[in-house]
Amino acid sequence: MNKKTLRLTILGAVFALSLGGFFLRRHHLAVGFDAMGLSNGKGIVGLILLCAVAVVGSIIVALTTEKREGVAESFSADKISLPLYFGAGGLTAVASVVGLINPVTMGLQVTLFSRLTSAVGVAAGFSMVAVGVGQKKKQSPSALAWMLPVAYYILQILLRFRMWSADPMVLDYAFKLFSLLGAMLTSCFMAGFAVGEGKGRTSLCFSIIGMVFSAITLAEGGFGNILLHGAIFLFCLASAWQLLGEKE
């Protein structure tokens, strides 16, 4: 199987898992809670099995693909990753602007932290676009361009954990958490390419996880949620597309 066919096959399987996860989560939300809003155990088994398949599959794919440890110029410039990075950056920036206008309000400190997270998110959105443009021009990305998304996703996790910690039902936030972790770890390991220490296999593993769990999270709806996790899906897809492509 040539490189192009292998990439399309792997991403096709990831899209299938993502779509399946989306509809299984929709089903779970429809039947998995009683009148009091408490979990009744319905509709969750299939979703958990799909998540397990996605995680195990991402590890297998990562272990069976070629190593990539060189600088990001070794990725081939193509016409697909650029619009994906633009889409991810645009949605991230818009989600962050919405966060600046409507910050999380749980006391003064949390409100200020929410605004800081959103401000970093705007910068991270532009940096994602910069990374895409740089790869298209076959230029080595700066470490800062890659580290801004890492910082943004770390801040998002910290901010949202403040809210999630008051919720005893793990299923209310587990998929969001894994979506954010996938994006954060993808950007973290991809950042290594800017200094010649990239971890292609590890990045690919987490990018697949980020895609599947962000798709599951999109089923929950909500404007801000769709913007944030839609951006994660595109960002992780752009990374996976590059990591599965030909070296130059």
Protein backbone atom coordinates (compact mmCIF):
# COMPACT_ATOMS: atom_id res chain seq x y z
CA MET A 1 0.00 0.00 0.00
CA ASN A 2 1.52 3.33 -1.04
CA LYS A 3 1.77 6.32 1.28
CA LYS A 4 -1.19 8.19 -0.17
CA THR A 5 -3.53 5.20 0.03
CA LEU A 6 -2.38 4.42 3.58
CA ARG A 7 -3.06 7.98 4.71
CA LEU A 8 -6.55 7.99 3.22
CA THR A 9 -7.31 4.57 4.70
CA ILE A 10 -6.23 5.55 8.21
CA LEU A 11 -8.01 8.89 8.16
CA GLY A 12 -11.11 7.26 6.67
CA ALA A 13 -11.19 4.86 9.63
CA VAL A 14 -10.73 7.78 12.04
CA PHE A 15 -13.58 9.67 10.37
CA ALA A 16 -15.79 6.59 10.70
CA LEU A 17 -14.99 6.31 14.41
CA SER A 18 -15.57 10.04 14.87
CA LEU A 19 -18.93 9.91 13.13
CA GLY A 20 -19.93 6.81 15.07
CA GLY A 21 -18.90 8.47 18.32
CA PHE A 22 -20.93 11.57 17.47
CA PHE A 23 -24.14 9.62 16.95
CA LEU A 24 -23.55 7.28 19.89
CA ARG A 25 -23.12 10.32 22.15
CA ARG A 26 -26.32 11.83 20.76
CA HIS A 27 -28.10 8.57 21.53
CA HIS A 28 -26.61 8.45 25.02
CA LEU A 29 -27.73 12.00 25.76
CA ALA A 30 -31.25 11.11 24.60
CA VAL A 31 -31.70 7.89 26.60
CA GLY A 32 -28.98 7.82 29.25
CA PHE A 33 -30.54 10.08 31.90
CA ASP A 34 -33.68 9.88 33.99
CA ALA A 35 -36.16 12.65 34.78
CA MET A 36 -33.90 13.90 37.58
CA GLY A 37 -30.94 14.19 35.20
CA LEU A 38 -29.12 11.24 36.76
CA SER A 39 -27.38 8.59 34.65
CA ASN A 40 -29.40 5.40 34.17
CA GLY A 41 -26.65 3.46 32.37
CA LYS A 42 -28.41 3.29 29.02
CA GLY A 43 -26.60 3.98 25.76
CA ILE A 44 -23.12 4.22 27.26
CA VAL A 45 -21.64 0.76 26.63
CA GLY A 46 -21.31 1.15 22.87
CA LEU A 47 -19.78 4.60 23.28
CA ILE A 48 -17.19 3.37 25.77
CA LEU A 49 -16.29 0.46 23.47
CA LEU A 50 -15.84 2.86 20.56
CA CYS A 51 -13.57 5.07 22.67
CA ALA A 52 -11.49 2.03 23.64
CA VAL A 53 -11.17 1.01 19.97
CA ALA A 54 -10.11 4.56 19.08
CA VAL A 55 -7.42 4.70 21.76
CA VAL A 56 -6.03 1.22 20.99
CA GLY A 57 -6.22 1.91 17.26
CA SER A 58 -4.34 5.22 17.63
CA ILE A 59 -1.53 3.43 19.46
CA ILE A 60 -1.32 0.71 16.80
CA VAL A 61 -1.25 3.26 13.98
CA ALA A 62 1.44 5.28 15.75
CA LEU A 63 3.63 2.21 16.32
CA THR A 64 3.38 1.06 12.70
CA THR A 65 4.14 4.36 10.96
CA GLU A 66 7.59 5.70 10.21
CA LYS A 67 9.49 7.76 12.73
CA ARG A 68 9.64 11.52 12.26
CA GLU A 69 12.15 13.37 14.36
CA GLY A 70 13.46 16.00 11.98
CA VAL A 71 12.40 19.59 11.61
CA ALA A 72 8.99 20.50 10.25
CA GLU A 73 10.43 21.28 6.80
CA SER A 74 10.52 17.50 6.27
CA PHE A 75 6.72 17.62 5.96
CA SER A 76 5.59 18.04 2.38
CA ALA A 77 3.79 21.26 1.56
CA ASP A 78 0.28 20.50 0.32
CA LYS A 79 -3.06 22.15 -0.38
CA ILE A 80 -5.02 20.29 2.32
CA SER A 81 -3.29 21.14 5.59
CA LEU A 82 -3.30 24.91 4.95
CA PRO A 83 -7.12 25.36 4.92
CA LEU A 84 -7.34 22.97 7.90
CA TYR A 85 -4.97 25.16 9.91
CA PHE A 86 -6.86 28.26 8.78
CA GLY A 87 -10.14 26.71 9.88
CA ALA A 88 -8.73 25.59 13.22
CA GLY A 89 -7.13 28.98 13.86
CA GLY A 90 -10.25 30.88 12.83
CA LEU A 91 -12.58 28.86 15.05
CA THR A 92 -10.13 29.09 17.96
CA ALA A 93 -9.93 32.86 17.62
CA VAL A 94 -13.72 33.25 17.35
CA ALA A 95 -14.27 30.96 20.35
CA SER A 96 -11.79 33.05 22.33
CA VAL A 97 -13.44 36.33 21.36
CA VAL A 98 -16.75 34.88 22.55
CA GLY A 99 -14.96 33.94 25.78
CA LEU A 100 -13.72 37.50 26.20
CA ILE A 101 -17.24 38.84 25.78
CA ASN A 102 -18.84 36.20 28.00
CA PRO A 103 -16.16 35.04 30.47
CA VAL A 104 -16.69 32.29 33.02
CA THR A 105 -18.00 34.02 36.15
CA MET A 106 -17.24 32.12 39.35
CA GLY A 107 -15.71 34.90 41.39
CA LEU A 108 -13.22 37.63 40.44
CA GLN A 109 -10.19 35.35 40.17
CA VAL A 110 -11.93 32.87 37.87
CA THR A 111 -13.32 35.69 35.71
CA LEU A 112 -9.84 37.19 35.27
CA PHE A 113 -8.40 33.74 34.53
CA SER A 114 -11.15 33.18 31.96
CA ARG A 115 -10.28 36.44 30.20
CA LEU A 116 -6.57 35.54 30.23
CA THR A 117 -7.35 32.15 28.69
CA SER A 118 -9.42 33.79 25.97
CA ALA A 119 -6.70 36.34 25.22
CA VAL A 120 -4.13 33.58 24.82
CA GLY A 121 -6.66 31.72 22.65
CA VAL A 122 -6.88 34.62 20.19
CA ALA A 123 -3.09 34.58 19.86
CA ALA A 124 -3.12 30.78 19.54
CA GLY A 125 -5.63 31.01 16.70
CA PHE A 126 -3.36 33.30 14.73
CA SER A 127 -0.36 31.10 15.50
CA MET A 128 -2.15 28.07 14.01
CA VAL A 129 -2.61 30.03 10.80
CA ALA A 130 1.06 31.03 10.93
CA VAL A 131 2.10 27.39 11.26
CA GLY A 132 0.01 26.43 8.24
CA VAL A 133 1.41 29.27 6.15
CA GLY A 134 4.95 28.43 7.23
CA GLN A 135 4.58 24.80 6.24
CA LYS A 136 3.10 25.79 2.89
CA LYS A 137 6.15 28.01 2.29
CA LYS A 138 8.44 25.22 3.55
CA GLN A 139 9.67 27.44 6.35
CA SER A 140 10.64 26.12 9.76
CA PRO A 141 7.97 27.22 12.28
CA SER A 142 9.00 29.20 15.32
CA ALA A 143 8.78 27.54 18.71
CA LEU A 144 6.47 30.34 19.87
CA ALA A 145 3.93 29.61 17.13
CA TRP A 146 3.62 26.04 18.37
CA MET A 147 3.81 26.81 22.09
CA LEU A 148 0.88 29.25 22.09
CA PRO A 149 -1.67 26.46 21.34
CA VAL A 150 -0.03 24.35 24.07
CA ALA A 151 -0.43 27.19 26.58
CA TYR A 152 -4.01 27.82 25.45
CA TYR A 153 -5.13 24.22 25.89
CA ILE A 154 -3.43 23.96 29.28
CA LEU A 155 -5.27 27.09 30.42
CA GLN A 156 -8.54 25.72 29.03
CA ILE A 157 -8.12 22.50 31.00
CA LEU A 158 -7.32 24.37 34.22
CA LEU A 159 -10.25 26.75 33.76
CA ARG A 160 -12.77 24.04 33.00
CA PHE A 161 -11.59 21.77 35.79
CA ARG A 162 -12.64 24.54 38.15
CA MET A 163 -16.21 24.07 36.89
CA TRP A 164 -16.06 20.29 36.44
CA SER A 165 -14.80 19.70 39.98
CA ALA A 166 -18.25 20.63 41.26
CA ASP A 167 -19.93 18.00 39.04
CA PRO A 168 -20.00 14.47 40.53
CA MET A 169 -20.90 12.89 37.14
CA VAL A 170 -17.67 12.17 35.27
CA LEU A 171 -19.57 11.46 32.04
CA ASP A 172 -20.65 15.11 31.95
CA TYR A 173 -17.11 16.22 31.18
CA ALA A 174 -14.95 13.15 30.41
CA PHE A 175 -15.22 13.47 26.62
CA LYS A 176 -14.48 17.21 26.72
CA LEU A 177 -11.44 16.53 28.88
CA PHE A 178 -10.01 13.90 26.51
CA SER A 179 -10.66 16.20 23.56
CA LEU A 180 -8.67 19.00 25.21
CA LEU A 181 -5.91 16.62 26.32
CA GLY A 182 -5.62 15.26 22.79
CA ALA A 183 -5.24 18.75 21.36
CA MET A 184 -2.81 19.86 24.07
CA LEU A 185 -0.55 16.82 23.70
CA THR A 186 -0.71 16.97 19.89
CA SER A 187 0.45 20.59 19.88
CA CYS A 188 3.04 19.86 22.59
CA PHE A 189 4.77 17.04 20.69
CA MET A 190 4.39 18.78 17.33
CA ALA A 191 6.16 21.79 18.86
CA GLY A 192 9.26 19.65 19.11
CA PHE A 193 9.67 19.80 15.33
CA ALA A 194 10.45 23.50 15.64
CA VAL A 195 13.63 22.64 17.54
CA GLY A 196 14.48 19.41 15.73
CA GLU A 197 13.05 17.18 18.47
CA GLY A 198 9.69 16.24 16.99
CA LYS A 199 7.90 13.08 18.07
CA GLY A 200 5.89 12.11 15.00
CA ARG A 201 4.47 8.83 16.27
CA THR A 202 3.39 10.27 19.60
CA SER A 203 1.91 13.33 17.91
CA LEU A 204 -0.05 11.12 15.52
CA CYS A 205 -1.42 9.01 18.36
CA PHE A 206 -2.76 12.02 20.24
CA SER A 207 -4.05 13.73 17.10
CA ILE A 208 -6.26 10.70 16.36
CA ILE A 209 -7.50 10.68 19.96
CA GLY A 210 -8.21 14.41 19.74
CA MET A 211 -10.24 13.97 16.55
CA VAL A 212 -12.44 11.19 17.91
CA PHE A 213 -13.14 12.76 21.29
CA SER A 214 -13.76 16.22 19.83
CA ALA A 215 -16.32 14.69 17.45
CA ILE A 216 -18.03 12.99 20.41
CA THR A 217 -18.07 16.31 22.28
CA LEU A 218 -19.62 18.13 19.32
CA ALA A 219 -22.74 16.00 19.82
CA GLU A 220 -23.41 17.91 23.05
CA GLY A 221 -24.10 21.11 21.12
CA GLY A 222 -23.73 24.65 22.43
CA PHE A 223 -22.24 27.49 20.40
CA GLY A 224 -19.03 27.87 22.41
CA ASN A 225 -18.60 24.11 22.67
CA ILE A 226 -18.96 23.67 18.90
CA LEU A 227 -16.43 26.42 18.19
CA LEU A 228 -13.83 25.09 20.63
CA HIS A 229 -14.06 21.40 19.83
CA GLY A 230 -14.67 21.98 16.13
CA ALA A 231 -11.35 23.83 16.12
CA ILE A 232 -9.72 20.92 17.95
CA PHE A 233 -11.01 18.47 15.34
CA LEU A 234 -9.57 20.52 12.47
CA PHE A 235 -6.31 21.17 14.30
CA CYS A 236 -5.74 17.48 15.07
CA LEU A 237 -6.79 16.52 11.53
CA ALA A 238 -4.25 18.96 10.07
CA SER A 239 -1.53 17.45 12.24
CA ALA A 240 -2.50 13.88 11.37
CA TRP A 241 -2.66 14.71 7.67
CA GLN A 242 0.87 16.09 7.76
CA LEU A 243 2.25 13.25 9.87
CA LEU A 244 0.84 10.60 7.51
CA GLY A 245 2.13 12.34 4.40
CA GLU A 246 5.32 11.95 2.40
CA LYS A 247 8.61 13.31 3.67
CA GLU A 248 10.57 15.58 1.40
